[in-house]
Amino acid sequence: MAQPATRNLGRLSEIAQVAVRHGFGYWFDKHRLTDLFPGRTPRVELDGQPSQRGQHLREMLDELGPTFVKFGQLLSTRPDVLP
């Protein structure tokens, strides 16, 4: 069985890869967190208008599972966090 720290890093890497697939790779570049990607995941940019970022965010949270969906629901009630 994997050590808890190793398991957590694996999940963090998985979350980062899903975020990049949905166009949020720029965030990891900006914060110099590209080491989370084993083997260099290709970077995908957000397409379309900035208004479509919400759709990309929803799709990403949906893919990550029910805990992330609940987090998205919480964010939707906070216009000061996500305009």
PDB file of N, CA and C in Angstrom:
ATOM      1  N   MET A   1       0.841  -1.185   0.000  1.00  0.00           N
ATOM      2  CA  MET A   1       0.000   0.000   0.000  1.00  0.00           C
ATOM      3  C   MET A   1       0.888   1.251   0.000  1.00  0.00           C
ATOM      4  N   ALA A   2       0.497   2.228  -0.774  1.00  0.00           N
ATOM      5  CA  ALA A   2       1.282   3.465  -0.903  1.00  0.00           C
ATOM      6  C   ALA A   2       1.204   4.281   0.385  1.00  0.00           C
ATOM      7  N   GLN A   3       2.269   4.984   0.665  1.00  0.00           N
ATOM      8  CA  GLN A   3       2.301   5.879   1.817  1.00  0.00           C
ATOM      9  C   GLN A   3       1.310   7.019   1.580  1.00  0.00           C
ATOM     10  N   PRO A   4       0.710   7.571   2.651  1.00  0.00           N
ATOM     11  CA  PRO A   4      -0.268   8.651   2.473  1.00  0.00           C
ATOM     12  C   PRO A   4       0.261   9.834   1.665  1.00  0.00           C
ATOM     13  N   ALA A   5       1.494  10.253   1.908  1.00  0.00           N
ATOM     14  CA  ALA A   5       2.043  11.400   1.169  1.00  0.00           C
ATOM     15  C   ALA A   5       2.162  11.085  -0.314  1.00  0.00           C
ATOM     16  N   THR A   6       2.587   9.874  -0.639  1.00  0.00           N
ATOM     17  CA  THR A   6       2.710   9.468  -2.041  1.00  0.00           C
ATOM     18  C   THR A   6       1.341   9.417  -2.702  1.00  0.00           C
ATOM     19  N   ARG A   7       0.356   8.891  -1.991  1.00  0.00           N
ATOM     20  CA  ARG A   7      -1.000   8.804  -2.526  1.00  0.00           C
ATOM     21  C   ARG A   7      -1.558  10.205  -2.772  1.00  0.00           C
ATOM     22  N   ASN A   8      -1.319  11.122  -1.828  1.00  0.00           N
ATOM     23  CA  ASN A   8      -1.808  12.495  -1.980  1.00  0.00           C
ATOM     24  C   ASN A   8      -1.163  13.188  -3.171  1.00  0.00           C
ATOM     25  N   LEU A   9       0.128  12.975  -3.363  1.00  0.00           N
ATOM     26  CA  LEU A   9       0.803  13.575  -4.517  1.00  0.00           C
ATOM     27  C   LEU A   9       0.270  13.006  -5.819  1.00  0.00           C
ATOM     28  N   GLY A  10      -0.064  11.727  -5.817  1.00  0.00           N
ATOM     29  CA  GLY A  10      -0.649  11.119  -7.007  1.00  0.00           C
ATOM     30  C   GLY A  10      -1.983  11.752  -7.358  1.00  0.00           C
ATOM     31  N   ARG A  11      -2.816  11.989  -6.351  1.00  0.00           N
ATOM     32  CA  ARG A  11      -4.117  12.616  -6.587  1.00  0.00           C
ATOM     33  C   ARG A  11      -3.933  14.064  -7.037  1.00  0.00           C
ATOM     34  N   LEU A  12      -2.998  14.765  -6.436  1.00  0.00           N
ATOM     35  CA  LEU A  12      -2.719  16.142  -6.843  1.00  0.00           C
ATOM     36  C   LEU A  12      -2.269  16.197  -8.297  1.00  0.00           C
ATOM     37  N   SER A  13      -1.443  15.256  -8.696  1.00  0.00           N
ATOM     38  CA  SER A  13      -0.991  15.188 -10.084  1.00  0.00           C
ATOM     39  C   SER A  13      -2.165  14.909 -11.016  1.00  0.00           C
ATOM     40  N   GLU A  14      -3.065  14.025 -10.597  1.00  0.00           N
ATOM     41  CA  GLU A  14      -4.253  13.717 -11.407  1.00  0.00           C
ATOM     42  C   GLU A  14      -5.137  14.953 -11.568  1.00  0.00           C
ATOM     43  N   ILE A  15      -5.340  15.695 -10.494  1.00  0.00           N
ATOM     44  CA  ILE A  15      -6.143  16.920 -10.544  1.00  0.00           C
ATOM     45  C   ILE A  15      -5.499  17.930 -11.486  1.00  0.00           C
ATOM     46  N   ALA A  16      -4.187  18.075 -11.398  1.00  0.00           N
ATOM     47  CA  ALA A  16      -3.470  19.010 -12.266  1.00  0.00           C
ATOM     48  C   ALA A  16      -3.616  18.614 -13.731  1.00  0.00           C
ATOM     49  N   GLN A  17      -3.536  17.335 -14.031  1.00  0.00           N
ATOM     50  CA  GLN A  17      -3.658  16.879 -15.415  1.00  0.00           C
ATOM     51  C   GLN A  17      -5.055  17.147 -15.962  1.00  0.00           C
ATOM     52  N   VAL A  18      -6.081  16.957 -15.134  1.00  0.00           N
ATOM     53  CA  VAL A  18      -7.451  17.254 -15.568  1.00  0.00           C
ATOM     54  C   VAL A  18      -7.593  18.755 -15.811  1.00  0.00           C
ATOM     55  N   ALA A  19      -7.027  19.566 -14.935  1.00  0.00           N
ATOM     56  CA  ALA A  19      -7.098  21.023 -15.110  1.00  0.00           C
ATOM     57  C   ALA A  19      -6.444  21.450 -16.417  1.00  0.00           C
ATOM     58  N   VAL A  20      -5.301  20.878 -16.730  1.00  0.00           N
ATOM     59  CA  VAL A  20      -4.609  21.212 -17.979  1.00  0.00           C
ATOM     60  C   VAL A  20      -5.451  20.781 -19.175  1.00  0.00           C
ATOM     61  N   ARG A  21      -6.042  19.611 -19.103  1.00  0.00           N
ATOM     62  CA  ARG A  21      -6.884  19.128 -20.203  1.00  0.00           C
ATOM     63  C   ARG A  21      -8.056  20.067 -20.469  1.00  0.00           C
ATOM     64  N   HIS A  22      -8.515  20.746 -19.428  1.00  0.00           N
ATOM     65  CA  HIS A  22      -9.656  21.651 -19.578  1.00  0.00           C
ATOM     66  C   HIS A  22      -9.228  23.101 -19.783  1.00  0.00           C
ATOM     67  N   GLY A  23      -7.939  23.316 -20.052  1.00  0.00           N
ATOM     68  CA  GLY A  23      -7.479  24.641 -20.448  1.00  0.00           C
ATOM     69  C   GLY A  23      -6.932  25.517 -19.350  1.00  0.00           C
ATOM     70  N   PHE A  24      -6.657  24.966 -18.185  1.00  0.00           N
ATOM     71  CA  PHE A  24      -6.165  25.778 -17.082  1.00  0.00           C
ATOM     72  C   PHE A  24      -4.674  25.584 -16.825  1.00  0.00           C
ATOM     73  N   GLY A  25      -3.942  25.160 -17.837  1.00  0.00           N
ATOM     74  CA  GLY A  25      -2.502  24.965 -17.710  1.00  0.00           C
ATOM     75  C   GLY A  25      -1.746  26.243 -17.418  1.00  0.00           C
ATOM     76  N   TYR A  26      -2.288  27.378 -17.866  1.00  0.00           N
ATOM     77  CA  TYR A  26      -1.623  28.663 -17.630  1.00  0.00           C
ATOM     78  C   TYR A  26      -1.446  28.920 -16.138  1.00  0.00           C
ATOM     79  N   TRP A  27      -2.366  28.453 -15.309  1.00  0.00           N
ATOM     80  CA  TRP A  27      -2.288  28.673 -13.870  1.00  0.00           C
ATOM     81  C   TRP A  27      -1.065  27.965 -13.284  1.00  0.00           C
ATOM     82  N   PHE A  28      -0.811  26.747 -13.755  1.00  0.00           N
ATOM     83  CA  PHE A  28       0.334  25.981 -13.265  1.00  0.00           C
ATOM     84  C   PHE A  28       1.644  26.591 -13.760  1.00  0.00           C
ATOM     85  N   ASP A  29       1.631  27.126 -14.975  1.00  0.00           N
ATOM     86  CA  ASP A  29       2.814  27.830 -15.485  1.00  0.00           C
ATOM     87  C   ASP A  29       3.092  29.080 -14.648  1.00  0.00           C
ATOM     88  N   LYS A  30       2.039  29.840 -14.382  1.00  0.00           N
ATOM     89  CA  LYS A  30       2.170  31.092 -13.637  1.00  0.00           C
ATOM     90  C   LYS A  30       2.735  30.854 -12.238  1.00  0.00           C
ATOM     91  N   HIS A  31       2.324  29.769 -11.610  1.00  0.00           N
ATOM     92  CA  HIS A  31       2.752  29.473 -10.241  1.00  0.00           C
ATOM     93  C   HIS A  31       3.917  28.481 -10.176  1.00  0.00           C
ATOM     94  N   ARG A  32       4.497  28.219 -11.341  1.00  0.00           N
ATOM     95  CA  ARG A  32       5.670  27.336 -11.454  1.00  0.00           C
ATOM     96  C   ARG A  32       5.434  25.973 -10.808  1.00  0.00           C
ATOM     97  N   LEU A  33       4.303  25.375 -11.149  1.00  0.00           N
ATOM     98  CA  LEU A  33       3.935  24.069 -10.614  1.00  0.00           C
ATOM     99  C   LEU A  33       3.914  22.997 -11.693  1.00  0.00           C
ATOM    100  N   THR A  34       4.643  23.202 -12.754  1.00  0.00           N
ATOM    101  CA  THR A  34       4.618  22.241 -13.861  1.00  0.00           C
ATOM    102  C   THR A  34       5.291  20.924 -13.506  1.00  0.00           C
ATOM    103  N   ASP A  35       5.980  20.850 -12.375  1.00  0.00           N
ATOM    104  CA  ASP A  35       6.586  19.583 -11.953  1.00  0.00           C
ATOM    105  C   ASP A  35       5.534  18.560 -11.526  1.00  0.00           C
ATOM    106  N   LEU A  36       4.288  18.986 -11.395  1.00  0.00           N
ATOM    107  CA  LEU A  36       3.226  18.058 -11.020  1.00  0.00           C
ATOM    108  C   LEU A  36       2.850  17.116 -12.154  1.00  0.00           C
ATOM    109  N   PHE A  37       3.355  17.386 -13.353  1.00  0.00           N
ATOM    110  CA  PHE A  37       2.967  16.601 -14.513  1.00  0.00           C
ATOM    111  C   PHE A  37       4.043  15.593 -14.857  1.00  0.00           C
ATOM    112  N   PRO A  38       3.748  14.314 -14.682  1.00  0.00           N
ATOM    113  CA  PRO A  38       4.748  13.320 -15.087  1.00  0.00           C
ATOM    114  C   PRO A  38       4.893  13.305 -16.594  1.00  0.00           C
ATOM    115  N   GLY A  39       6.092  13.443 -17.073  1.00  0.00           N
ATOM    116  CA  GLY A  39       6.344  13.343 -18.509  1.00  0.00           C
ATOM    117  C   GLY A  39       5.888  14.512 -19.349  1.00  0.00           C
ATOM    118  N   ARG A  40       5.556  15.636 -18.782  1.00  0.00           N
ATOM    119  CA  ARG A  40       5.158  16.836 -19.539  1.00  0.00           C
ATOM    120  C   ARG A  40       3.860  16.639 -20.306  1.00  0.00           C
ATOM    121  N   THR A  41       2.786  16.938 -19.681  1.00  0.00           N
ATOM    122  CA  THR A  41       1.475  16.905 -20.311  1.00  0.00           C
ATOM    123  C   THR A  41       1.386  18.053 -21.307  1.00  0.00           C
ATOM    124  N   PRO A  42       0.864  17.808 -22.511  1.00  0.00           N
ATOM    125  CA  PRO A  42       0.727  18.913 -23.459  1.00  0.00           C
ATOM    126  C   PRO A  42      -0.202  19.987 -22.907  1.00  0.00           C
ATOM    127  N   ARG A  43       0.180  21.206 -23.137  1.00  0.00           N
ATOM    128  CA  ARG A  43      -0.593  22.333 -22.622  1.00  0.00           C
ATOM    129  C   ARG A  43      -1.742  22.651 -23.564  1.00  0.00           C
ATOM    130  N   VAL A  44      -2.919  22.791 -22.995  1.00  0.00           N
ATOM    131  CA  VAL A  44      -4.109  23.142 -23.761  1.00  0.00           C
ATOM    132  C   VAL A  44      -4.575  24.502 -23.268  1.00  0.00           C
ATOM    133  N   GLU A  45      -4.760  25.421 -24.183  1.00  0.00           N
ATOM    134  CA  GLU A  45      -5.231  26.755 -23.827  1.00  0.00           C
ATOM    135  C   GLU A  45      -6.758  26.784 -23.847  1.00  0.00           C
ATOM    136  N   LEU A  46      -7.316  27.693 -23.059  1.00  0.00           N
ATOM    137  CA  LEU A  46      -8.755  27.899 -23.107  1.00  0.00           C
ATOM    138  C   LEU A  46      -9.128  28.463 -24.468  1.00  0.00           C
ATOM    139  N   ASP A  47     -10.154  27.888 -25.060  1.00  0.00           N
ATOM    140  CA  ASP A  47     -10.602  28.395 -26.349  1.00  0.00           C
ATOM    141  C   ASP A  47     -11.827  29.281 -26.151  1.00  0.00           C
ATOM    142  N   GLY A  48     -12.089  30.095 -27.121  1.00  0.00           N
ATOM    143  CA  GLY A  48     -13.281  30.924 -27.094  1.00  0.00           C
ATOM    144  C   GLY A  48     -13.144  32.149 -26.203  1.00  0.00           C
ATOM    145  N   GLN A  49     -14.280  32.680 -25.830  1.00  0.00           N
ATOM    146  CA  GLN A  49     -14.357  33.914 -25.056  1.00  0.00           C
ATOM    147  C   GLN A  49     -14.121  33.653 -23.569  1.00  0.00           C
ATOM    148  N   PRO A  50     -13.713  34.697 -22.843  1.00  0.00           N
ATOM    149  CA  PRO A  50     -13.563  34.538 -21.394  1.00  0.00           C
ATOM    150  C   PRO A  50     -14.850  34.066 -20.722  1.00  0.00           C
ATOM    151  N   SER A  51     -15.994  34.368 -21.314  1.00  0.00           N
ATOM    152  CA  SER A  51     -17.264  33.930 -20.740  1.00  0.00           C
ATOM    153  C   SER A  51     -17.406  32.412 -20.757  1.00  0.00           C
ATOM    154  N   GLN A  52     -16.593  31.723 -21.558  1.00  0.00           N
ATOM    155  CA  GLN A  52     -16.662  30.265 -21.610  1.00  0.00           C
ATOM    156  C   GLN A  52     -15.809  29.611 -20.529  1.00  0.00           C
ATOM    157  N   ARG A  53     -15.061  30.393 -19.780  1.00  0.00           N
ATOM    158  CA  ARG A  53     -14.239  29.813 -18.717  1.00  0.00           C
ATOM    159  C   ARG A  53     -15.100  29.107 -17.680  1.00  0.00           C
ATOM    160  N   GLY A  54     -16.269  29.659 -17.415  1.00  0.00           N
ATOM    161  CA  GLY A  54     -17.180  29.025 -16.466  1.00  0.00           C
ATOM    162  C   GLY A  54     -17.584  27.637 -16.924  1.00  0.00           C
ATOM    163  N   GLN A  55     -17.840  27.505 -18.215  1.00  0.00           N
ATOM    164  CA  GLN A  55     -18.203  26.200 -18.763  1.00  0.00           C
ATOM    165  C   GLN A  55     -17.029  25.232 -18.631  1.00  0.00           C
ATOM    166  N   HIS A  56     -15.826  25.699 -18.936  1.00  0.00           N
ATOM    167  CA  HIS A  56     -14.644  24.843 -18.803  1.00  0.00           C
ATOM    168  C   HIS A  56     -14.427  24.444 -17.340  1.00  0.00           C
ATOM    169  N   LEU A  57     -14.634  25.391 -16.441  1.00  0.00           N
ATOM    170  CA  LEU A  57     -14.479  25.102 -15.018  1.00  0.00           C
ATOM    171  C   LEU A  57     -15.505  24.066 -14.570  1.00  0.00           C
ATOM    172  N   ARG A  58     -16.751  24.217 -15.007  1.00  0.00           N
ATOM    173  CA  ARG A  58     -17.794  23.263 -14.641  1.00  0.00           C
ATOM    174  C   ARG A  58     -17.463  21.870 -15.141  1.00  0.00           C
ATOM    175  N   GLU A  59     -17.011  21.778 -16.390  1.00  0.00           N
ATOM    176  CA  GLU A  59     -16.655  20.479 -16.960  1.00  0.00           C
ATOM    177  C   GLU A  59     -15.497  19.841 -16.195  1.00  0.00           C
ATOM    178  N   MET A  60     -14.526  20.653 -15.809  1.00  0.00           N
ATOM    179  CA  MET A  60     -13.389  20.136 -15.050  1.00  0.00           C
ATOM    180  C   MET A  60     -13.845  19.615 -13.687  1.00  0.00           C
ATOM    181  N   LEU A  61     -14.632  20.410 -12.969  1.00  0.00           N
ATOM    182  CA  LEU A  61     -15.096  19.997 -11.650  1.00  0.00           C
ATOM    183  C   LEU A  61     -15.966  18.752 -11.740  1.00  0.00           C
ATOM    184  N   ASP A  62     -16.780  18.668 -12.781  1.00  0.00           N
ATOM    185  CA  ASP A  62     -17.631  17.499 -12.988  1.00  0.00           C
ATOM    186  C   ASP A  62     -16.783  16.244 -13.200  1.00  0.00           C
ATOM    187  N   GLU A  63     -15.722  16.367 -13.974  1.00  0.00           N
ATOM    188  CA  GLU A  63     -14.844  15.224 -14.233  1.00  0.00           C
ATOM    189  C   GLU A  63     -14.105  14.778 -12.970  1.00  0.00           C
ATOM    190  N   LEU A  64     -13.801  15.722 -12.093  1.00  0.00           N
ATOM    191  CA  LEU A  64     -13.041  15.391 -10.882  1.00  0.00           C
ATOM    192  C   LEU A  64     -13.881  14.714  -9.804  1.00  0.00           C
ATOM    193  N   GLY A  65     -15.197  14.824  -9.884  1.00  0.00           N
ATOM    194  CA  GLY A  65     -16.024  14.073  -8.948  1.00  0.00           C
ATOM    195  C   GLY A  65     -16.925  14.923  -8.075  1.00  0.00           C
ATOM    196  N   PRO A  66     -17.724  14.241  -7.239  1.00  0.00           N
ATOM    197  CA  PRO A  66     -18.769  14.919  -6.463  1.00  0.00           C
ATOM    198  C   PRO A  66     -18.252  15.953  -5.458  1.00  0.00           C
ATOM    199  N   THR A  67     -17.100  15.735  -4.875  1.00  0.00           N
ATOM    200  CA  THR A  67     -16.560  16.723  -3.935  1.00  0.00           C
ATOM    201  C   THR A  67     -16.251  18.028  -4.655  1.00  0.00           C
ATOM    202  N   PHE A  68     -15.712  17.916  -5.862  1.00  0.00           N
ATOM    203  CA  PHE A  68     -15.383  19.108  -6.641  1.00  0.00           C
ATOM    204  C   PHE A  68     -16.646  19.773  -7.179  1.00  0.00           C
ATOM    205  N   VAL A  69     -17.674  18.989  -7.485  1.00  0.00           N
ATOM    206  CA  VAL A  69     -18.958  19.562  -7.906  1.00  0.00           C
ATOM    207  C   VAL A  69     -19.527  20.400  -6.765  1.00  0.00           C
ATOM    208  N   LYS A  70     -19.456  19.869  -5.556  1.00  0.00           N
ATOM    209  CA  LYS A  70     -19.945  20.612  -4.389  1.00  0.00           C
ATOM    210  C   LYS A  70     -19.140  21.901  -4.194  1.00  0.00           C
ATOM    211  N   PHE A  71     -17.847  21.827  -4.408  1.00  0.00           N
ATOM    212  CA  PHE A  71     -16.997  23.019  -4.333  1.00  0.00           C
ATOM    213  C   PHE A  71     -17.445  24.047  -5.376  1.00  0.00           C
ATOM    214  N   GLY A  72     -17.771  23.590  -6.579  1.00  0.00           N
ATOM    215  CA  GLY A  72     -18.268  24.478  -7.627  1.00  0.00           C
ATOM    216  C   GLY A  72     -19.581  25.133  -7.242  1.00  0.00           C
ATOM    217  N   GLN A  73     -20.448  24.373  -6.571  1.00  0.00           N
ATOM    218  CA  GLN A  73     -21.713  24.936  -6.103  1.00  0.00           C
ATOM    219  C   GLN A  73     -21.461  26.040  -5.078  1.00  0.00           C
ATOM    220  N   LEU A  74     -20.501  25.811  -4.213  1.00  0.00           N
ATOM    221  CA  LEU A  74     -20.133  26.829  -3.235  1.00  0.00           C
ATOM    222  C   LEU A  74     -19.602  28.079  -3.936  1.00  0.00           C
ATOM    223  N   LEU A  75     -18.722  27.885  -4.918  1.00  0.00           N
ATOM    224  CA  LEU A  75     -18.173  29.026  -5.657  1.00  0.00           C
ATOM    225  C   LEU A  75     -19.263  29.809  -6.384  1.00  0.00           C
ATOM    226  N   SER A  76     -20.307  29.116  -6.834  1.00  0.00           N
ATOM    227  CA  SER A  76     -21.363  29.797  -7.589  1.00  0.00           C
ATOM    228  C   SER A  76     -22.140  30.783  -6.724  1.00  0.00           C
ATOM    229  N   THR A  77     -22.059  30.641  -5.425  1.00  0.00           N
ATOM    230  CA  THR A  77     -22.758  31.566  -4.527  1.00  0.00           C
ATOM    231  C   THR A  77     -21.889  32.747  -4.121  1.00  0.00           C
ATOM    232  N   ARG A  78     -20.665  32.801  -4.635  1.00  0.00           N
ATOM    233  CA  ARG A  78     -19.705  33.830  -4.241  1.00  0.00           C
ATOM    234  C   ARG A  78     -19.283  34.691  -5.426  1.00  0.00           C
ATOM    235  N   PRO A  79     -20.069  35.703  -5.788  1.00  0.00           N
ATOM    236  CA  PRO A  79     -19.691  36.559  -6.914  1.00  0.00           C
ATOM    237  C   PRO A  79     -18.415  37.363  -6.654  1.00  0.00           C
ATOM    238  N   ASP A  80     -18.012  37.491  -5.391  1.00  0.00           N
ATOM    239  CA  ASP A  80     -16.768  38.197  -5.095  1.00  0.00           C
ATOM    240  C   ASP A  80     -15.541  37.340  -5.404  1.00  0.00           C
ATOM    241  N   VAL A  81     -15.720  36.017  -5.503  1.00  0.00           N
ATOM    242  CA  VAL A  81     -14.614  35.111  -5.819  1.00  0.00           C
ATOM    243  C   VAL A  81     -14.558  34.842  -7.316  1.00  0.00           C
ATOM    244  N   LEU A  82     -15.696  34.494  -7.883  1.00  0.00           N
ATOM    245  CA  LEU A  82     -15.806  34.251  -9.331  1.00  0.00           C
ATOM    246  C   LEU A  82     -16.847  35.197  -9.901  1.00  0.00           C
ATOM    247  N   PRO A  83     -16.421  36.195 -10.653  1.00  0.00           N
ATOM    248  CA  PRO A  83     -17.380  37.174 -11.189  1.00  0.00           C
ATOM    249  C   PRO A  83     -18.335  36.555 -12.193  1.00  0.00           C
TER     250      PRO A  83
END
